Amino acid sequence: TETVDVTDDASIAALGERLGGIDHVVSTASARARGRLADLDREAVRL
């Protein structure tokens, strides 16, 4: 296991340094902005 925050470029860069080489990358990370238009929050959509 490793630590990374995909919303933080420094965290991603640091992970790369720790990993060295890698063959395949799979990103399953998600943060859902659910709801109808009137209920959508800008920050939720941005995230």
All heavy atoms as atom14 arrays in JSON, in Angstrom:
{
  "sequence": "TETVDVTDDASIAALGERLGGIDHVVSTASARARGRLADLDREAVRL",
  "atom14_mask": [
    [1, 1, 1, 1, 1, 1, 1, 0, 0, 0, 0, 0, 0, 0],
    [1, 1, 1, 1, 1, 1, 1, 1, 1, 0, 0, 0, 0, 0],
    [1, 1, 1, 1, 1, 1, 1, 0, 0, 0, 0, 0, 0, 0],
    [1, 1, 1, 1, 1, 1, 1, 0, 0, 0, 0, 0, 0, 0],
    [1, 1, 1, 1, 1, 1, 1, 1, 0, 0, 0, 0, 0, 0],
    [1, 1, 1, 1, 1, 1, 1, 0, 0, 0, 0, 0, 0, 0],
    [1, 1, 1, 1, 1, 1, 1, 0, 0, 0, 0, 0, 0, 0],
    [1, 1, 1, 1, 1, 1, 1, 1, 0, 0, 0, 0, 0, 0],
    [1, 1, 1, 1, 1, 1, 1, 1, 0, 0, 0, 0, 0, 0],
    [1, 1, 1, 1, 1, 0, 0, 0, 0, 0, 0, 0, 0, 0],
    [1, 1, 1, 1, 1, 1, 0, 0, 0, 0, 0, 0, 0, 0],
    [1, 1, 1, 1, 1, 1, 1, 1, 0, 0, 0, 0, 0, 0],
    [1, 1, 1, 1, 1, 0, 0, 0, 0, 0, 0, 0, 0, 0],
    [1, 1, 1, 1, 1, 0, 0, 0, 0, 0, 0, 0, 0, 0],
    [1, 1, 1, 1, 1, 1, 1, 1, 0, 0, 0, 0, 0, 0],
    [1, 1, 1, 1, 0, 0, 0, 0, 0, 0, 0, 0, 0, 0],
    [1, 1, 1, 1, 1, 1, 1, 1, 1, 0, 0, 0, 0, 0],
    [1, 1, 1, 1, 1, 1, 1, 1, 1, 1, 1, 0, 0, 0],
    [1, 1, 1, 1, 1, 1, 1, 1, 0, 0, 0, 0, 0, 0],
    [1, 1, 1, 1, 0, 0, 0, 0, 0, 0, 0, 0, 0, 0],
    [1, 1, 1, 1, 0, 0, 0, 0, 0, 0, 0, 0, 0, 0],
    [1, 1, 1, 1, 1, 1, 1, 1, 0, 0, 0, 0, 0, 0],
    [1, 1, 1, 1, 1, 1, 1, 1, 0, 0, 0, 0, 0, 0],
    [1, 1, 1, 1, 1, 1, 1, 1, 1, 1, 0, 0, 0, 0],
    [1, 1, 1, 1, 1, 1, 1, 0, 0, 0, 0, 0, 0, 0],
    [1, 1, 1, 1, 1, 1, 1, 0, 0, 0, 0, 0, 0, 0],
    [1, 1, 1, 1, 1, 1, 0, 0, 0, 0, 0, 0, 0, 0],
    [1, 1, 1, 1, 1, 1, 1, 0, 0, 0, 0, 0, 0, 0],
    [1, 1, 1, 1, 1, 0, 0, 0, 0, 0, 0, 0, 0, 0],
    [1, 1, 1, 1, 1, 1, 0, 0, 0, 0, 0, 0, 0, 0],
    [1, 1, 1, 1, 1, 0, 0, 0, 0, 0, 0, 0, 0, 0],
    [1, 1, 1, 1, 1, 1, 1, 1, 1, 1, 1, 0, 0, 0],
    [1, 1, 1, 1, 1, 0, 0, 0, 0, 0, 0, 0, 0, 0],
    [1, 1, 1, 1, 1, 1, 1, 1, 1, 1, 1, 0, 0, 0],
    [1, 1, 1, 1, 0, 0, 0, 0, 0, 0, 0, 0, 0, 0],
    [1, 1, 1, 1, 1, 1, 1, 1, 1, 1, 1, 0, 0, 0],
    [1, 1, 1, 1, 1, 1, 1, 1, 0, 0, 0, 0, 0, 0],
    [1, 1, 1, 1, 1, 0, 0, 0, 0, 0, 0, 0, 0, 0],
    [1, 1, 1, 1, 1, 1, 1, 1, 0, 0, 0, 0, 0, 0],
    [1, 1, 1, 1, 1, 1, 1, 1, 0, 0, 0, 0, 0, 0],
    [1, 1, 1, 1, 1, 1, 1, 1, 0, 0, 0, 0, 0, 0],
    [1, 1, 1, 1, 1, 1, 1, 1, 1, 1, 1, 0, 0, 0],
    [1, 1, 1, 1, 1, 1, 1, 1, 1, 0, 0, 0, 0, 0],
    [1, 1, 1, 1, 1, 0, 0, 0, 0, 0, 0, 0, 0, 0],
    [1, 1, 1, 1, 1, 1, 1, 0, 0, 0, 0, 0, 0, 0],
    [1, 1, 1, 1, 1, 1, 1, 1, 1, 1, 1, 0, 0, 0],
    [1, 1, 1, 1, 1, 1, 1, 1, 0, 0, 0, 0, 0, 0]
  ],
  "atom14_positions": [
    [[0.82, -1.2, 0.0], [0.0, 0.0, 0.0], [0.86, 1.26, 0.0], [1.99, 1.26, 0.5], [-0.96, 0.02, 1.2], [-0.21, -0.06, 2.42], [-1.93, -1.15, 1.12], [0.0, 0.0, 0.0], [0.0, 0.0, 0.0], [0.0, 0.0, 0.0], [0.0, 0.0, 0.0], [0.0, 0.0, 0.0], [0.0, 0.0, 0.0], [0.0, 0.0, 0.0]],
    [[0.3, 2.3, -0.57], [0.94, 3.61, -0.64], [-0.12, 4.67, -0.37], [-1.33, 4.4, -0.42], [1.57, 3.84, -2.0], [3.01, 3.38, -2.12], [3.98, 4.33, -1.42], [3.52, 5.33, -0.83], [5.19, 4.05, -1.46], [0.0, 0.0, 0.0], [0.0, 0.0, 0.0], [0.0, 0.0, 0.0], [0.0, 0.0, 0.0], [0.0, 0.0, 0.0]],
    [[0.33, 5.89, -0.15], [-0.57, 7.01, 0.09], [-0.49, 7.98, -1.07], [0.6, 8.34, -1.52], [-0.21, 7.73, 1.4], [-0.23, 6.81, 2.48], [-1.18, 8.86, 1.67], [0.0, 0.0, 0.0], [0.0, 0.0, 0.0], [0.0, 0.0, 0.0], [0.0, 0.0, 0.0], [0.0, 0.0, 0.0], [0.0, 0.0, 0.0], [0.0, 0.0, 0.0]],
    [[-1.66, 8.41, -1.56], [-1.71, 9.46, -2.57], [-3.06, 10.15, -2.52], [-4.08, 9.52, -2.21], [-1.47, 8.89, -3.99], [-2.64, 8.03, -4.48], [-1.19, 10.01, -4.99], [0.0, 0.0, 0.0], [0.0, 0.0, 0.0], [0.0, 0.0, 0.0], [0.0, 0.0, 0.0], [0.0, 0.0, 0.0], [0.0, 0.0, 0.0], [0.0, 0.0, 0.0]],
    [[-3.05, 11.43, -2.77], [-4.26, 12.23, -2.91], [-4.28, 12.77, -4.33], [-3.44, 13.6, -4.7], [-4.25, 13.37, -1.9], [-5.51, 14.25, -1.96], [-6.3, 14.1, -2.92], [-5.68, 15.09, -1.07], [0.0, 0.0, 0.0], [0.0, 0.0, 0.0], [0.0, 0.0, 0.0], [0.0, 0.0, 0.0], [0.0, 0.0, 0.0], [0.0, 0.0, 0.0]],
    [[-5.21, 12.28, -5.16], [-5.2, 12.66, -6.57], [-5.61, 14.11, -6.8], [-5.5, 14.61, -7.92], [-6.09, 11.73, -7.42], [-5.56, 10.3, -7.39], [-7.54, 11.8, -7.01], [0.0, 0.0, 0.0], [0.0, 0.0, 0.0], [0.0, 0.0, 0.0], [0.0, 0.0, 0.0], [0.0, 0.0, 0.0], [0.0, 0.0, 0.0], [0.0, 0.0, 0.0]],
    [[-6.08, 14.79, -5.76], [-6.4, 16.21, -5.9], [-5.22, 17.09, -5.51], [-5.34, 18.32, -5.47], [-7.62, 16.59, -5.03], [-7.28, 16.5, -3.65], [-8.8, 15.69, -5.35], [0.0, 0.0, 0.0], [0.0, 0.0, 0.0], [0.0, 0.0, 0.0], [0.0, 0.0, 0.0], [0.0, 0.0, 0.0], [0.0, 0.0, 0.0], [0.0, 0.0, 0.0]],
    [[-4.07, 16.49, -5.23], [-2.88, 17.21, -4.77], [-1.7, 16.83, -5.64], [-1.2, 15.7, -5.56], [-2.63, 16.86, -3.3], [-1.44, 17.6, -2.69], [-0.55, 18.04, -3.44], [-1.39, 17.7, -1.46], [0.0, 0.0, 0.0], [0.0, 0.0, 0.0], [0.0, 0.0, 0.0], [0.0, 0.0, 0.0], [0.0, 0.0, 0.0], [0.0, 0.0, 0.0]],
    [[-1.23, 17.75, -6.48], [-0.14, 17.45, -7.41], [1.14, 17.05, -6.69], [1.88, 16.17, -7.16], [0.14, 18.66, -8.31], [-0.98, 18.92, -9.3], [-1.95, 18.14, -9.31], [-0.88, 19.9, -10.06], [0.0, 0.0, 0.0], [0.0, 0.0, 0.0], [0.0, 0.0, 0.0], [0.0, 0.0, 0.0], [0.0, 0.0, 0.0], [0.0, 0.0, 0.0]],
    [[1.44, 17.69, -5.56], [2.65, 17.35, -4.82], [2.58, 15.92, -4.32], [3.59, 15.2, -4.32], [2.84, 18.32, -3.66], [0.0, 0.0, 0.0], [0.0, 0.0, 0.0], [0.0, 0.0, 0.0], [0.0, 0.0, 0.0], [0.0, 0.0, 0.0], [0.0, 0.0, 0.0], [0.0, 0.0, 0.0], [0.0, 0.0, 0.0], [0.0, 0.0, 0.0]],
    [[1.39, 15.48, -3.9], [1.22, 14.11, -3.43], [1.45, 13.11, -4.56], [2.08, 12.07, -4.37], [-0.19, 13.94, -2.85], [-0.43, 12.6, -2.47], [0.0, 0.0, 0.0], [0.0, 0.0, 0.0], [0.0, 0.0, 0.0], [0.0, 0.0, 0.0], [0.0, 0.0, 0.0], [0.0, 0.0, 0.0], [0.0, 0.0, 0.0], [0.0, 0.0, 0.0]],
    [[0.95, 13.45, -5.75], [1.14, 12.57, -6.92], [2.61, 12.5, -7.3], [3.15, 11.42, -7.56], [0.29, 13.07, -8.11], [-1.2, 12.96, -7.78], [0.62, 12.27, -9.37], [-2.1, 13.62, -8.8], [0.0, 0.0, 0.0], [0.0, 0.0, 0.0], [0.0, 0.0, 0.0], [0.0, 0.0, 0.0], [0.0, 0.0, 0.0], [0.0, 0.0, 0.0]],
    [[3.27, 13.65, -7.34], [4.68, 13.68, -7.69], [5.51, 12.89, -6.69], [6.44, 12.15, -7.08], [5.17, 15.13, -7.77], [0.0, 0.0, 0.0], [0.0, 0.0, 0.0], [0.0, 0.0, 0.0], [0.0, 0.0, 0.0], [0.0, 0.0, 0.0], [0.0, 0.0, 0.0], [0.0, 0.0, 0.0], [0.0, 0.0, 0.0], [0.0, 0.0, 0.0]],
    [[5.19, 13.02, -5.41], [5.93, 12.29, -4.38], [5.73, 10.79, -4.52], [6.68, 10.0, -4.33], [5.49, 12.75, -2.99], [0.0, 0.0, 0.0], [0.0, 0.0, 0.0], [0.0, 0.0, 0.0], [0.0, 0.0, 0.0], [0.0, 0.0, 0.0], [0.0, 0.0, 0.0], [0.0, 0.0, 0.0], [0.0, 0.0, 0.0], [0.0, 0.0, 0.0]],
    [[4.51, 10.37, -4.87], [4.27, 8.95, -5.11], [5.13, 8.45, -6.25], [5.73, 7.37, -6.17], [2.79, 8.7, -5.42], [2.43, 7.27, -5.81], [2.68, 6.3, -4.67], [0.98, 7.18, -6.28], [0.0, 0.0, 0.0], [0.0, 0.0, 0.0], [0.0, 0.0, 0.0], [0.0, 0.0, 0.0], [0.0, 0.0, 0.0], [0.0, 0.0, 0.0]],
    [[5.2, 9.22, -7.33], [6.05, 8.84, -8.46], [7.49, 8.64, -8.05], [8.14, 7.68, -8.48], [0.0, 0.0, 0.0], [0.0, 0.0, 0.0], [0.0, 0.0, 0.0], [0.0, 0.0, 0.0], [0.0, 0.0, 0.0], [0.0, 0.0, 0.0], [0.0, 0.0, 0.0], [0.0, 0.0, 0.0], [0.0, 0.0, 0.0], [0.0, 0.0, 0.0]],
    [[8.0, 9.53, -7.22], [9.38, 9.41, -6.75], [9.57, 8.12, -5.96], [10.58, 7.43, -6.09], [9.75, 10.62, -5.88], [9.86, 11.93, -6.64], [11.08, 11.97, -7.55], [12.05, 11.23, -7.28], [11.05, 12.75, -8.53], [0.0, 0.0, 0.0], [0.0, 0.0, 0.0], [0.0, 0.0, 0.0], [0.0, 0.0, 0.0], [0.0, 0.0, 0.0]],
    [[8.59, 7.79, -5.14], [8.71, 6.58, -4.32], [8.59, 5.31, -5.15], [9.23, 4.3, -4.86], [7.65, 6.58, -3.2], [7.82, 7.69, -2.17], [6.99, 7.46, -0.94], [5.56, 7.37, -1.19], [4.73, 8.4, -1.23], [5.21, 9.64, -1.07], [3.43, 8.23, -1.44], [0.0, 0.0, 0.0], [0.0, 0.0, 0.0], [0.0, 0.0, 0.0]],
    [[7.75, 5.36, -6.18], [7.52, 4.16, -6.99], [8.7, 3.86, -7.91], [9.02, 2.7, -8.17], [6.26, 4.34, -7.86], [4.92, 4.36, -7.14], [3.8, 4.53, -8.16], [4.7, 3.09, -6.33], [0.0, 0.0, 0.0], [0.0, 0.0, 0.0], [0.0, 0.0, 0.0], [0.0, 0.0, 0.0], [0.0, 0.0, 0.0], [0.0, 0.0, 0.0]],
    [[9.3, 4.9, -8.46], [10.29, 4.68, -9.5], [9.57, 4.31, -10.78], [8.75, 5.07, -11.29], [0.0, 0.0, 0.0], [0.0, 0.0, 0.0], [0.0, 0.0, 0.0], [0.0, 0.0, 0.0], [0.0, 0.0, 0.0], [0.0, 0.0, 0.0], [0.0, 0.0, 0.0], [0.0, 0.0, 0.0], [0.0, 0.0, 0.0], [0.0, 0.0, 0.0]],
    [[9.82, 3.12, -11.32], [9.14, 2.69, -12.54], [7.81, 2.01, -12.22], [7.61, 1.48, -11.13], [0.0, 0.0, 0.0], [0.0, 0.0, 0.0], [0.0, 0.0, 0.0], [0.0, 0.0, 0.0], [0.0, 0.0, 0.0], [0.0, 0.0, 0.0], [0.0, 0.0, 0.0], [0.0, 0.0, 0.0], [0.0, 0.0, 0.0], [0.0, 0.0, 0.0]],
    [[6.92, 2.04, -13.19], [5.6, 1.38, -13.07], [5.14, 0.98, -14.46], [5.45, 1.65, -15.45], [4.57, 2.31, -12.38], [3.33, 1.55, -11.93], [4.22, 3.49, -13.26], [3.51, 0.76, -10.69], [0.0, 0.0, 0.0], [0.0, 0.0, 0.0], [0.0, 0.0, 0.0], [0.0, 0.0, 0.0], [0.0, 0.0, 0.0], [0.0, 0.0, 0.0]],
    [[4.43, -0.14, -14.57], [3.96, -0.6, -15.88], [2.54, -0.15, -16.18], [2.26, 0.3, -17.29], [4.04, -2.13, -15.95], [5.47, -2.62, -15.96], [6.21, -2.29, -16.9], [5.86, -3.32, -15.0], [0.0, 0.0, 0.0], [0.0, 0.0, 0.0], [0.0, 0.0, 0.0], [0.0, 0.0, 0.0], [0.0, 0.0, 0.0], [0.0, 0.0, 0.0]],
    [[1.64, -0.29, -15.22], [0.22, 0.03, -15.47], [-0.33, 0.86, -14.32], [0.02, 0.64, -13.15], [-0.6, -1.25, -15.6], [-0.11, -2.18, -16.66], [-0.41, -2.03, -17.99], [0.69, -3.29, -16.56], [0.16, -3.0, -18.69], [0.83, -3.78, -17.83], [0.0, 0.0, 0.0], [0.0, 0.0, 0.0], [0.0, 0.0, 0.0], [0.0, 0.0, 0.0]],
    [[-1.21, 1.8, -14.66], [-1.86, 2.65, -13.67], [-3.37, 2.56, -13.87], [-3.87, 2.73, -14.99], [-1.42, 4.11, -13.79], [-2.17, 4.99, -12.79], [0.09, 4.24, -13.6], [0.0, 0.0, 0.0], [0.0, 0.0, 0.0], [0.0, 0.0, 0.0], [0.0, 0.0, 0.0], [0.0, 0.0, 0.0], [0.0, 0.0, 0.0], [0.0, 0.0, 0.0]],
    [[-4.1, 2.28, -12.8], [-5.56, 2.22, -12.83], [-6.09, 3.2, -11.8], [-5.77, 3.1, -10.61], [-6.08, 0.8, -12.49], [-7.6, 0.75, -12.59], [-5.44, -0.24, -13.39], [0.0, 0.0, 0.0], [0.0, 0.0, 0.0], [0.0, 0.0, 0.0], [0.0, 0.0, 0.0], [0.0, 0.0, 0.0], [0.0, 0.0, 0.0], [0.0, 0.0, 0.0]],
    [[-6.88, 4.17, -12.23], [-7.47, 5.12, -11.3], [-8.96, 4.88, -11.19], [-9.73, 5.12, -12.12], [-7.22, 6.56, -11.76], [-7.79, 7.47, -10.82], [0.0, 0.0, 0.0], [0.0, 0.0, 0.0], [0.0, 0.0, 0.0], [0.0, 0.0, 0.0], [0.0, 0.0, 0.0], [0.0, 0.0, 0.0], [0.0, 0.0, 0.0], [0.0, 0.0, 0.0]],
    [[-9.39, 4.4, -10.02], [-10.81, 4.16, -9.76], [-11.41, 5.26, -8.89], [-12.59, 5.2, -8.55], [-11.03, 2.81, -9.06], [-10.57, 2.9, -7.7], [-10.3, 1.68, -9.77], [0.0, 0.0, 0.0], [0.0, 0.0, 0.0], [0.0, 0.0, 0.0], [0.0, 0.0, 0.0], [0.0, 0.0, 0.0], [0.0, 0.0, 0.0], [0.0, 0.0, 0.0]],
    [[-10.6, 6.23, -8.49], [-11.05, 7.26, -7.54], [-12.24, 8.04, -8.09], [-12.28, 8.36, -9.28], [-9.9, 8.2, -7.22], [0.0, 0.0, 0.0], [0.0, 0.0, 0.0], [0.0, 0.0, 0.0], [0.0, 0.0, 0.0], [0.0, 0.0, 0.0], [0.0, 0.0, 0.0], [0.0, 0.0, 0.0], [0.0, 0.0, 0.0], [0.0, 0.0, 0.0]],
    [[-13.19, 8.37, -7.21], [-14.35, 9.15, -7.65], [-14.91, 9.92, -6.47], [-14.69, 9.57, -5.31], [-15.44, 8.26, -8.25], [-15.99, 7.41, -7.25], [0.0, 0.0, 0.0], [0.0, 0.0, 0.0], [0.0, 0.0, 0.0], [0.0, 0.0, 0.0], [0.0, 0.0, 0.0], [0.0, 0.0, 0.0], [0.0, 0.0, 0.0], [0.0, 0.0, 0.0]],
    [[-15.63, 10.98, -6.79], [-16.37, 11.77, -5.8], [-17.62, 12.25, -6.51], [-17.55, 13.11, -7.39], [-15.53, 12.94, -5.29], [0.0, 0.0, 0.0], [0.0, 0.0, 0.0], [0.0, 0.0, 0.0], [0.0, 0.0, 0.0], [0.0, 0.0, 0.0], [0.0, 0.0, 0.0], [0.0, 0.0, 0.0], [0.0, 0.0, 0.0], [0.0, 0.0, 0.0]],
    [[-18.75, 11.65, -6.2], [-19.96, 11.89, -6.99], [-20.68, 13.17, -6.58], [-20.86, 13.44, -5.41], [-20.92, 10.69, -6.85], [-20.36, 9.4, -7.42], [-21.38, 8.26, -7.28], [-20.89, 7.03, -7.87], [-20.18, 6.13, -7.21], [-19.88, 6.34, -5.94], [-19.77, 5.04, -7.8], [0.0, 0.0, 0.0], [0.0, 0.0, 0.0], [0.0, 0.0, 0.0]],
    [[-21.09, 13.92, -7.59], [-21.91, 15.13, -7.38], [-23.33, 14.79, -7.81], [-23.73, 15.04, -8.95], [-21.35, 16.29, -8.19], [0.0, 0.0, 0.0], [0.0, 0.0, 0.0], [0.0, 0.0, 0.0], [0.0, 0.0, 0.0], [0.0, 0.0, 0.0], [0.0, 0.0, 0.0], [0.0, 0.0, 0.0], [0.0, 0.0, 0.0], [0.0, 0.0, 0.0]],
    [[-24.11, 14.22, -6.9], [-25.46, 13.77, -7.24], [-26.48, 14.88, -7.03], [-26.26, 15.81, -6.26], [-25.85, 12.56, -6.4], [-25.01, 11.32, -6.66], [-25.63, 10.11, -5.98], [-24.84, 8.91, -6.16], [-24.89, 8.15, -7.25], [-25.69, 8.47, -8.24], [-24.15, 7.07, -7.35], [0.0, 0.0, 0.0], [0.0, 0.0, 0.0], [0.0, 0.0, 0.0]],
    [[-27.6, 14.76, -7.72], [-28.7, 15.69, -7.51], [-29.11, 16.42, -8.77], [-28.35, 16.49, -9.75], [0.0, 0.0, 0.0], [0.0, 0.0, 0.0], [0.0, 0.0, 0.0], [0.0, 0.0, 0.0], [0.0, 0.0, 0.0], [0.0, 0.0, 0.0], [0.0, 0.0, 0.0], [0.0, 0.0, 0.0], [0.0, 0.0, 0.0], [0.0, 0.0, 0.0]],
    [[-30.32, 16.96, -8.76], [-30.79, 17.77, -9.87], [-30.08, 19.12, -9.87], [-29.44, 19.51, -8.89], [-32.3, 17.95, -9.78], [-33.09, 16.67, -10.07], [-34.58, 16.88, -9.89], [-35.33, 15.68, -10.25], [-35.89, 15.47, -11.45], [-35.76, 16.39, -12.39], [-36.55, 14.36, -11.7], [0.0, 0.0, 0.0], [0.0, 0.0, 0.0], [0.0, 0.0, 0.0]],
    [[-30.22, 19.83, -10.97], [-29.5, 21.08, -11.16], [-29.68, 22.04, -9.98], [-28.71, 22.63, -9.48], [-29.98, 21.75, -12.46], [-29.36, 23.1, -12.8], [-27.85, 22.99, -12.96], [-29.99, 23.65, -14.08], [0.0, 0.0, 0.0], [0.0, 0.0, 0.0], [0.0, 0.0, 0.0], [0.0, 0.0, 0.0], [0.0, 0.0, 0.0], [0.0, 0.0, 0.0]],
    [[-30.91, 22.2, -9.52], [-31.18, 23.16, -8.44], [-30.48, 22.8, -7.14], [-30.26, 23.67, -6.29], [-32.68, 23.25, -8.2], [0.0, 0.0, 0.0], [0.0, 0.0, 0.0], [0.0, 0.0, 0.0], [0.0, 0.0, 0.0], [0.0, 0.0, 0.0], [0.0, 0.0, 0.0], [0.0, 0.0, 0.0], [0.0, 0.0, 0.0], [0.0, 0.0, 0.0]],
    [[-30.11, 21.53, -7.0], [-29.5, 21.08, -5.75], [-27.98, 20.93, -5.84], [-27.34, 20.65, -4.82], [-30.1, 19.73, -5.35], [-31.6, 19.8, -5.15], [-32.06, 20.8, -4.57], [-32.31, 18.88, -5.61], [0.0, 0.0, 0.0], [0.0, 0.0, 0.0], [0.0, 0.0, 0.0], [0.0, 0.0, 0.0], [0.0, 0.0, 0.0], [0.0, 0.0, 0.0]],
    [[-27.42, 21.12, -7.03], [-25.98, 20.9, -7.19], [-25.19, 22.03, -6.55], [-25.49, 23.21, -6.72], [-25.61, 20.78, -8.67], [-25.92, 19.44, -9.34], [-25.57, 19.5, -10.82], [-25.16, 18.3, -8.66], [0.0, 0.0, 0.0], [0.0, 0.0, 0.0], [0.0, 0.0, 0.0], [0.0, 0.0, 0.0], [0.0, 0.0, 0.0], [0.0, 0.0, 0.0]],
    [[-24.16, 21.63, -5.85], [-23.26, 22.56, -5.18], [-21.97, 22.68, -6.0], [-21.42, 21.67, -6.45], [-22.96, 22.03, -3.78], [-21.91, 22.86, -3.06], [-22.25, 23.95, -2.61], [-20.76, 22.39, -2.99], [0.0, 0.0, 0.0], [0.0, 0.0, 0.0], [0.0, 0.0, 0.0], [0.0, 0.0, 0.0], [0.0, 0.0, 0.0], [0.0, 0.0, 0.0]],
    [[-21.51, 23.91, -6.2], [-20.31, 24.12, -7.01], [-19.12, 23.31, -6.5], [-18.38, 22.71, -7.3], [-19.94, 25.61, -7.04], [-18.64, 25.9, -7.81], [-18.28, 27.37, -7.74], [-19.18, 28.18, -8.53], [-19.01, 28.48, -9.82], [-17.95, 27.99, -10.46], [-19.86, 29.24, -10.46], [0.0, 0.0, 0.0], [0.0, 0.0, 0.0], [0.0, 0.0, 0.0]],
    [[-18.93, 23.29, -5.21], [-17.78, 22.59, -4.66], [-17.88, 21.08, -4.9], [-16.87, 20.41, -5.16], [-17.64, 22.87, -3.16], [-16.35, 22.33, -2.55], [-15.1, 22.81, -3.29], [-15.06, 23.99, -3.73], [-14.16, 22.0, -3.44], [0.0, 0.0, 0.0], [0.0, 0.0, 0.0], [0.0, 0.0, 0.0], [0.0, 0.0, 0.0], [0.0, 0.0, 0.0]],
    [[-19.09, 20.52, -4.83], [-19.26, 19.09, -5.09], [-18.93, 18.76, -6.54], [-18.29, 17.75, -6.83], [-20.69, 18.66, -4.76], [0.0, 0.0, 0.0], [0.0, 0.0, 0.0], [0.0, 0.0, 0.0], [0.0, 0.0, 0.0], [0.0, 0.0, 0.0], [0.0, 0.0, 0.0], [0.0, 0.0, 0.0], [0.0, 0.0, 0.0], [0.0, 0.0, 0.0]],
    [[-19.35, 19.62, -7.47], [-19.05, 19.39, -8.88], [-17.55, 19.54, -9.12], [-16.93, 18.75, -9.86], [-19.83, 20.36, -9.77], [-19.45, 20.19, -11.24], [-21.33, 20.14, -9.61], [0.0, 0.0, 0.0], [0.0, 0.0, 0.0], [0.0, 0.0, 0.0], [0.0, 0.0, 0.0], [0.0, 0.0, 0.0], [0.0, 0.0, 0.0], [0.0, 0.0, 0.0]],
    [[-16.95, 20.55, -8.49], [-15.51, 20.75, -8.65], [-14.73, 19.54, -8.13], [-13.78, 19.07, -8.77], [-15.08, 22.01, -7.91], [-13.59, 22.32, -8.05], [-13.16, 23.53, -7.22], [-13.67, 24.76, -7.83], [-14.51, 25.59, -7.25], [-14.99, 25.3, -6.03], [-14.89, 26.69, -7.84], [0.0, 0.0, 0.0], [0.0, 0.0, 0.0], [0.0, 0.0, 0.0]],
    [[-15.13, 19.02, -6.97], [-14.45, 17.86, -6.41], [-14.62, 16.64, -7.29], [-13.69, 15.84, -7.47], [-14.98, 17.57, -5.0], [-14.33, 16.39, -4.28], [-12.83, 16.61, -4.11], [-15.0, 16.18, -2.92], [0.0, 0.0, 0.0], [0.0, 0.0, 0.0], [0.0, 0.0, 0.0], [0.0, 0.0, 0.0], [0.0, 0.0, 0.0], [0.0, 0.0, 0.0]]
  ]
}
